[in-house]
Amino acid sequence: MTQTLLSALTTAAVGGPAGSFIEARTEAEIIDAVRSADAAGTPLLILGGGSNLLVSDDGFPGTVLKIASEGFTVNAEDSCGGVAVVVQAGHNWDALVEHAVRHAWSGIEALSGIPGATGATPVQNVGAYGSDVSQTIAAVRTWDRHHNTVQTFTNSELKFGYRDSLLKQTTVDGSPRYVVLTVEFQLPLGRMSAPIRYAELARALGVEAGQRAYSNDVRREVLRLRASKGMVWDAEDRDTYSTGSFFTNPIVPSEVAAGLPEDAPRYPGGADGMTKLSAAWLIDQAGYGKGFGLDPGSVSGGRASLSTKHTLAITNRGNASTADLLAIAREVRRGVAERFGIELHPEPLLIGVEL
């Protein structure tokens, strides 16, 4: 029997074999596969686009279920309420964003270029450039593995936070209790974007923060900015062979942020007395610049290094293992803690390994 390697299913191109592999293309197939694995007591790994995932070199001993359901339906569209669109969990996220911009559905244009499947977006509350999916998600339909039934959550019930949600927090033996089936978005109609909240993007668009721009212009600039940082998948560019941003931006008490150098970027922390910091700035200032590796020839030698374009991504230069990527992550986290007293936390899901 041919083994399925996780390295062939993840954007970092690392990870050992799956115990078994199933690709589910319909909602019924997803539910059947989950129920079968649970009935057999088999560990279950849910896989979408494989872009926010780091799996052990030993692989995953249970069932790897790739969600491959595609398509979406428009339930309502009017000038007052906007458009209600229900998206299958396996539908490519950026394809949805592209369609939305082309059809004048606004609100998700700043999330252009993010790899992966739509079903993963509410789990992590995926975000970029001052926007995240919690701002547009109306509801998420899931399969509840505990009660063996379909469970729908409204936006408020999902308890969204920074790169966090109820779906991420609630697990069964380390894998999600709630398997996403569909995601419903409520998107305003119009050619103008949501307000531009991110200073770098506002500058690129030639507008002030808080102003709007044409959604197609926002998408174009976001794709350009992401590509310049190696954050748009390109098979010819080794800087894109990563899990995406490896560390989340730390949210710390404001008095801790006040102790950092004056030029350290600071952002609202989402709660009184808290400040969000730039993990990329902390990494760079701790001495880990673009292209940092543990070996002299890390970039050219085909092992692992920080991206040559962006210090937040740990990249596979061609022949790296999961252990190689983790070694970089551990060194960077150690150095930032030593320099600033701030602990960085991983953004990707770690399977069979620890940082």
Protein backbone atom coordinates (compact mmCIF):
# COMPACT_ATOMS: atom_id res chain seq x y z
CA MET A 1 0.00 0.00 0.00
CA THR A 2 1.33 3.42 -0.94
CA GLN A 3 1.82 5.74 2.01
CA THR A 4 0.59 9.32 1.92
CA LEU A 5 3.23 11.72 3.20
CA LEU A 6 2.16 14.88 5.00
CA SER A 7 5.05 16.63 3.28
CA ALA A 8 3.06 16.36 0.04
CA LEU A 9 -0.02 17.93 1.65
CA THR A 10 1.42 20.91 3.54
CA THR A 11 2.82 24.21 2.32
CA ALA A 12 5.96 23.76 4.43
CA ALA A 13 6.56 20.46 2.57
CA VAL A 14 7.54 18.59 5.73
CA GLY A 15 5.93 15.82 7.77
CA GLY A 16 5.98 12.04 7.79
CA PRO A 17 3.41 9.46 6.66
CA ALA A 18 -0.29 9.35 7.47
CA GLY A 19 -1.63 6.17 9.04
CA SER A 20 -4.46 6.40 6.53
CA PHE A 21 -5.68 9.14 4.22
CA ILE A 22 -9.20 10.08 3.13
CA GLU A 23 -10.27 12.89 0.83
CA ALA A 24 -13.88 13.94 1.40
CA ARG A 25 -15.55 15.94 -1.37
CA THR A 26 -19.07 16.27 0.06
CA GLU A 27 -20.58 17.10 3.42
CA ALA A 28 -21.89 13.54 3.71
CA GLU A 29 -18.42 12.11 3.03
CA ILE A 30 -16.91 14.40 5.67
CA ILE A 31 -19.41 13.28 8.31
CA ASP A 32 -19.06 9.59 7.37
CA ALA A 33 -15.27 9.75 7.61
CA VAL A 34 -15.34 11.49 10.98
CA ARG A 35 -17.92 9.09 12.41
CA SER A 36 -15.97 6.07 11.19
CA ALA A 37 -12.71 7.29 12.72
CA ASP A 38 -14.40 8.12 16.02
CA ALA A 39 -16.24 4.78 16.14
CA ALA A 40 -12.94 2.96 15.63
CA GLY A 41 -11.16 5.09 18.22
CA THR A 42 -8.70 6.23 15.56
CA PRO A 43 -6.87 9.56 16.02
CA LEU A 44 -8.12 12.13 13.50
CA LEU A 45 -6.31 14.99 11.79
CA ILE A 46 -8.46 17.43 9.81
CA LEU A 47 -6.62 18.92 6.85
CA GLY A 48 -7.66 21.81 4.64
CA GLY A 49 -5.04 23.54 2.55
CA GLY A 50 -2.20 22.42 4.81
CA SER A 51 -0.95 25.98 5.19
CA ASN A 52 -1.06 26.47 8.96
CA LEU A 53 0.19 23.09 10.04
CA LEU A 54 3.44 21.48 11.15
CA VAL A 55 3.45 17.69 11.50
CA SER A 56 6.13 15.49 13.06
CA ASP A 57 8.70 13.79 10.85
CA ASP A 58 7.26 10.56 12.26
CA GLY A 59 3.94 11.45 10.65
CA PHE A 60 0.45 11.01 12.07
CA PRO A 61 -0.58 7.52 13.25
CA GLY A 62 -4.32 7.92 12.65
CA THR A 63 -6.64 9.07 9.89
CA VAL A 64 -5.80 12.22 7.95
CA LEU A 65 -9.03 13.64 6.53
CA LYS A 66 -8.61 16.19 3.77
CA ILE A 67 -11.67 18.42 3.43
CA ALA A 68 -12.17 18.89 -0.32
CA SER A 69 -15.79 20.08 -0.51
CA GLU A 70 -16.08 23.03 -2.89
CA GLY A 71 -18.55 25.66 -4.00
CA PHE A 72 -20.85 28.22 -2.43
CA THR A 73 -24.44 29.38 -2.60
CA VAL A 74 -25.86 32.88 -2.37
CA ASN A 75 -28.83 32.85 -0.01
CA ALA A 76 -29.73 36.53 -0.22
CA GLU A 77 -28.54 39.60 -2.07
CA ASP A 78 -29.99 43.09 -1.75
CA SER A 79 -28.65 46.61 -1.48
CA CYS A 80 -29.65 46.97 2.18
CA GLY A 81 -28.61 43.65 3.71
CA GLY A 82 -25.76 42.85 1.37
CA VAL A 83 -25.06 39.30 0.30
CA ALA A 84 -25.32 36.15 2.43
CA VAL A 85 -23.01 33.53 0.97
CA VAL A 86 -22.65 29.99 2.35
CA VAL A 87 -19.27 28.47 1.48
CA GLN A 88 -18.23 24.81 1.60
CA ALA A 89 -15.40 24.14 4.05
CA GLY A 90 -12.96 22.90 1.41
CA HIS A 91 -13.44 25.84 -0.96
CA ASN A 92 -10.19 27.67 -1.67
CA TRP A 93 -10.15 30.84 0.40
CA ASP A 94 -8.46 33.15 -2.08
CA ALA A 95 -10.77 31.97 -4.87
CA LEU A 96 -13.66 33.15 -2.71
CA VAL A 97 -12.01 36.52 -2.11
CA GLU A 98 -11.32 36.94 -5.82
CA HIS A 99 -14.96 36.16 -6.65
CA ALA A 100 -16.19 38.56 -3.97
CA VAL A 101 -14.11 41.45 -5.28
CA ARG A 102 -15.11 40.74 -8.88
CA HIS A 103 -18.82 40.75 -7.93
CA ALA A 104 -18.67 43.82 -5.65
CA TRP A 105 -19.05 41.96 -2.36
CA SER A 106 -16.90 43.89 0.07
CA GLY A 107 -15.38 43.15 3.45
CA ILE A 108 -12.81 40.39 2.80
CA GLU A 109 -10.59 42.05 0.18
CA ALA A 110 -7.77 42.73 2.69
CA LEU A 111 -7.59 38.96 3.28
CA SER A 112 -6.47 38.31 -0.30
CA GLY A 113 -3.67 35.83 -0.91
CA ILE A 114 -4.02 33.88 2.33
CA PRO A 115 -3.52 30.20 1.47
CA GLY A 116 -5.79 27.41 2.60
CA ALA A 117 -9.43 26.41 2.74
CA THR A 118 -12.39 28.50 3.86
CA GLY A 119 -13.31 26.07 6.63
CA ALA A 120 -10.07 26.82 8.45
CA THR A 121 -10.67 30.57 8.57
CA PRO A 122 -13.09 30.70 11.53
CA VAL A 123 -11.00 28.26 13.57
CA GLN A 124 -7.99 30.59 13.68
CA ASN A 125 -10.01 33.77 13.11
CA VAL A 126 -7.72 34.29 10.14
CA GLY A 127 -6.67 37.87 9.63
CA ALA A 128 -4.22 40.23 7.96
CA TYR A 129 -3.75 43.93 7.25
CA GLY A 130 -6.16 45.05 9.96
CA SER A 131 -8.97 42.69 8.94
CA ASP A 132 -10.12 39.28 10.14
CA VAL A 133 -12.95 36.92 9.31
CA SER A 134 -14.83 37.59 12.55
CA GLN A 135 -15.89 40.90 10.98
CA THR A 136 -17.89 39.18 8.23
CA ILE A 137 -18.80 35.66 9.43
CA ALA A 138 -22.51 35.29 10.23
CA ALA A 139 -22.58 31.59 11.14
CA VAL A 140 -20.60 28.34 10.95
CA ARG A 141 -22.18 24.90 10.50
CA THR A 142 -20.19 22.08 12.07
CA TRP A 143 -20.31 18.39 12.87
CA ASP A 144 -20.25 17.97 16.65
CA ARG A 145 -18.21 14.83 17.33
CA HIS A 146 -19.37 14.68 20.95
CA HIS A 147 -23.11 14.61 20.24
CA ASN A 148 -22.92 13.19 16.67
CA THR A 149 -25.06 15.94 15.23
CA VAL A 150 -24.86 19.08 13.11
CA GLN A 151 -24.31 22.17 15.26
CA THR A 152 -24.57 25.75 13.97
CA PHE A 153 -22.83 28.64 15.73
CA THR A 154 -23.61 32.32 15.30
CA ASN A 155 -20.84 34.90 15.25
CA SER A 156 -21.21 35.75 18.94
CA GLU A 157 -21.28 32.09 19.95
CA LEU A 158 -17.94 31.49 18.22
CA LYS A 159 -16.14 33.64 20.84
CA PHE A 160 -13.68 35.08 18.36
CA GLY A 161 -10.39 36.49 19.63
CA TYR A 162 -6.98 37.25 18.18
CA ARG A 163 -6.19 34.14 16.09
CA ASP A 164 -8.62 32.28 18.31
CA SER A 165 -12.18 30.97 18.52
CA LEU A 166 -14.37 28.46 20.31
CA LEU A 167 -13.65 26.05 17.46
CA LYS A 168 -9.93 26.21 18.18
CA GLN A 169 -10.34 25.92 21.93
CA THR A 170 -12.67 22.89 21.93
CA THR A 171 -10.99 19.57 21.15
CA VAL A 172 -11.46 15.81 21.35
CA ASP A 173 -8.20 14.06 22.20
CA GLY A 174 -6.26 16.92 20.63
CA SER A 175 -8.28 17.28 17.43
CA PRO A 176 -11.28 19.56 16.82
CA ARG A 177 -14.57 18.62 18.47
CA TYR A 178 -16.40 20.67 15.86
CA VAL A 179 -15.56 19.87 12.23
CA VAL A 180 -16.47 22.79 9.98
CA LEU A 181 -18.91 21.95 7.18
CA THR A 182 -19.89 25.39 5.85
CA VAL A 183 -19.18 29.02 6.66
CA GLU A 184 -21.74 31.77 6.06
CA PHE A 185 -20.50 35.29 5.37
CA GLN A 186 -22.54 38.48 5.37
CA LEU A 187 -20.87 40.89 2.95
CA PRO A 188 -21.93 44.45 2.07
CA LEU A 189 -22.52 45.23 -1.58
CA GLY A 190 -20.41 47.85 -3.32
CA ARG A 191 -17.12 48.53 -5.06
CA MET A 192 -15.59 50.25 -2.03
CA SER A 193 -13.64 48.32 0.57
CA ALA A 194 -14.11 48.10 4.29
CA PRO A 195 -12.23 50.91 6.09
CA ILE A 196 -8.45 50.48 5.73
CA ARG A 197 -7.14 49.89 9.25
CA TYR A 198 -3.52 48.96 8.54
CA ALA A 199 -1.05 51.82 8.10
CA GLU A 200 1.23 50.04 5.60
CA LEU A 201 -1.72 49.16 3.38
CA ALA A 202 -3.18 52.67 3.66
CA ARG A 203 0.14 54.16 2.53
CA ALA A 204 0.33 51.76 -0.41
CA LEU A 205 -3.17 52.81 -1.47
CA GLY A 206 -2.53 56.52 -0.95
CA VAL A 207 -5.34 56.93 1.60
CA GLU A 208 -5.53 57.77 5.28
CA ALA A 209 -6.09 55.01 7.82
CA GLY A 210 -9.83 54.60 8.31
CA GLN A 211 -10.68 55.63 4.77
CA ARG A 212 -11.97 53.31 2.06
CA ALA A 213 -10.56 52.43 -1.35
CA TYR A 214 -11.80 50.45 -4.32
CA SER A 215 -11.85 46.77 -3.33
CA ASN A 216 -9.99 45.69 -6.47
CA ASP A 217 -7.22 48.17 -5.62
CA VAL A 218 -7.05 46.79 -2.08
CA ARG A 219 -6.79 43.22 -3.37
CA ARG A 220 -4.06 44.17 -5.84
CA GLU A 221 -1.98 45.97 -3.19
CA VAL A 222 -2.44 43.23 -0.60
CA LEU A 223 -1.28 40.60 -3.10
CA ARG A 224 1.71 42.77 -3.97
CA LEU A 225 2.62 43.31 -0.31
CA ARG A 226 2.20 39.63 0.54
CA ALA A 227 4.27 38.54 -2.46
CA SER A 228 7.05 40.94 -1.45
CA LYS A 229 7.16 39.10 1.89
CA GLY A 230 6.99 35.60 0.41
CA MET A 231 3.44 35.16 1.70
CA VAL A 232 1.77 34.23 -1.60
CA TRP A 233 2.40 30.63 -2.65
CA ASP A 234 4.85 30.27 -5.53
CA ALA A 235 6.31 26.84 -6.30
CA GLU A 236 9.47 28.51 -7.65
CA ASP A 237 10.07 30.61 -4.52
CA ARG A 238 11.45 28.72 -1.51
CA ASP A 239 10.44 31.62 0.75
CA THR A 240 6.84 30.49 0.31
CA TYR A 241 7.51 26.95 1.59
CA SER A 242 6.42 27.66 5.15
CA THR A 243 3.48 27.47 7.53
CA GLY A 244 2.92 31.20 7.02
CA SER A 245 3.64 33.41 10.02
CA PHE A 246 5.15 31.07 12.59
CA PHE A 247 4.55 33.28 15.63
CA THR A 248 1.54 35.34 16.64
CA ASN A 249 2.01 38.98 17.57
CA PRO A 250 2.26 38.95 21.38
CA ILE A 251 -0.35 40.82 23.40
CA VAL A 252 1.19 42.07 26.63
CA PRO A 253 0.31 44.40 29.52
CA SER A 254 0.83 48.00 28.44
CA GLU A 255 3.46 48.52 31.13
CA VAL A 256 5.54 45.76 29.49
CA ALA A 257 5.16 47.44 26.10
CA ALA A 258 6.21 50.76 27.66
CA GLY A 259 9.56 49.21 28.58
CA LEU A 260 10.45 48.51 24.94
CA PRO A 261 12.46 50.91 22.76
CA GLU A 262 10.49 53.91 21.53
CA ASP A 263 10.50 52.71 17.92
CA ALA A 264 8.89 49.34 18.76
CA PRO A 265 5.56 49.09 16.88
CA ARG A 266 2.55 49.06 19.18
CA TYR A 267 -1.09 48.33 18.37
CA PRO A 268 -4.34 48.15 20.36
CA GLY A 269 -4.45 44.90 22.31
CA GLY A 270 -8.19 44.38 22.21
CA ALA A 271 -8.62 44.86 25.96
CA ASP A 272 -7.98 47.64 28.45
CA GLY A 273 -4.40 47.78 29.60
CA MET A 274 -3.12 45.48 26.85
CA THR A 275 -0.92 46.23 23.83
CA LYS A 276 -0.19 44.15 20.75
CA LEU A 277 3.44 44.05 19.63
CA SER A 278 5.06 43.12 16.33
CA ALA A 279 6.61 39.66 16.53
CA ALA A 280 8.58 40.41 13.35
CA TRP A 281 10.14 43.51 14.97
CA LEU A 282 11.02 41.60 18.15
CA ILE A 283 12.64 38.81 16.14
CA ASP A 284 14.68 41.20 14.03
CA GLN A 285 15.78 43.31 17.01
CA ALA A 286 16.80 40.17 18.91
CA GLY A 287 19.36 39.55 16.17
CA TYR A 288 17.52 37.18 13.86
CA GLY A 289 17.40 38.89 10.50
CA LYS A 290 15.94 37.76 7.20
CA GLY A 291 17.56 34.53 6.05
CA PHE A 292 18.79 33.57 9.54
CA GLY A 293 19.73 29.91 9.82
CA LEU A 294 21.56 27.66 12.26
CA ASP A 295 24.08 26.54 9.63
CA PRO A 296 26.33 28.79 7.50
CA GLY A 297 24.69 27.66 4.27
CA SER A 298 21.11 27.36 5.50
CA VAL A 299 19.55 29.37 2.66
CA SER A 300 21.67 28.05 -0.19
CA GLY A 301 22.18 24.59 1.29
CA GLY A 302 18.56 23.52 1.18
CA ARG A 303 17.80 23.19 4.90
CA ALA A 304 15.77 25.65 6.99
CA SER A 305 15.98 29.38 7.60
CA LEU A 306 13.91 32.43 8.28
CA SER A 307 12.49 33.74 5.03
CA THR A 308 14.82 36.04 3.10
CA LYS A 309 11.84 38.40 2.76
CA HIS A 310 10.10 38.28 6.14
CA THR A 311 11.35 37.27 9.60
CA LEU A 312 8.02 35.78 10.72
CA ALA A 313 8.17 32.82 8.32
CA ILE A 314 10.39 29.78 8.87
CA THR A 315 11.07 28.26 5.47
CA ASN A 316 12.03 24.92 3.97
CA ARG A 317 14.86 25.70 1.56
CA GLY A 318 14.44 22.38 -0.23
CA ASN A 319 15.58 19.54 2.00
CA ALA A 320 14.43 20.49 5.49
CA SER A 321 12.65 18.34 8.05
CA THR A 322 10.11 19.34 10.65
CA ALA A 323 12.90 19.08 13.21
CA ASP A 324 14.94 21.62 11.22
CA LEU A 325 12.09 24.14 11.21
CA LEU A 326 11.48 23.63 14.92
CA ALA A 327 15.17 24.16 15.70
CA ILE A 328 14.97 27.61 14.10
CA ALA A 329 11.74 28.39 15.95
CA ARG A 330 13.19 27.37 19.31
CA GLU A 331 16.29 29.47 18.83
CA VAL A 332 14.28 32.53 17.79
CA ARG A 333 11.88 32.15 20.70
CA ARG A 334 14.78 31.73 23.14
CA GLY A 335 16.56 34.81 21.81
CA VAL A 336 13.48 37.04 21.94
CA ALA A 337 12.75 35.94 25.51
CA GLU A 338 16.35 36.60 26.51
CA ARG A 339 16.47 40.04 24.85
CA PHE A 340 13.01 41.36 25.74
CA GLY A 341 11.52 39.02 28.36
CA ILE A 342 8.60 38.28 26.02
CA GLU A 343 7.57 34.75 25.05
CA LEU A 344 6.49 34.14 21.47
CA HIS A 345 3.73 31.62 20.77
CA PRO A 346 3.37 29.53 17.61
CA GLU A 347 0.54 30.26 15.19
CA PRO A 348 0.44 26.96 13.24
CA LEU A 349 -1.10 23.80 14.65
CA LEU A 350 1.70 21.53 15.89
CA ILE A 351 0.99 17.81 15.47
CA GLY A 352 3.19 15.29 17.27
CA VAL A 353 5.77 17.93 18.17
CA GLU A 354 6.26 20.69 20.73
CA LEU A 355 8.10 23.98 20.58
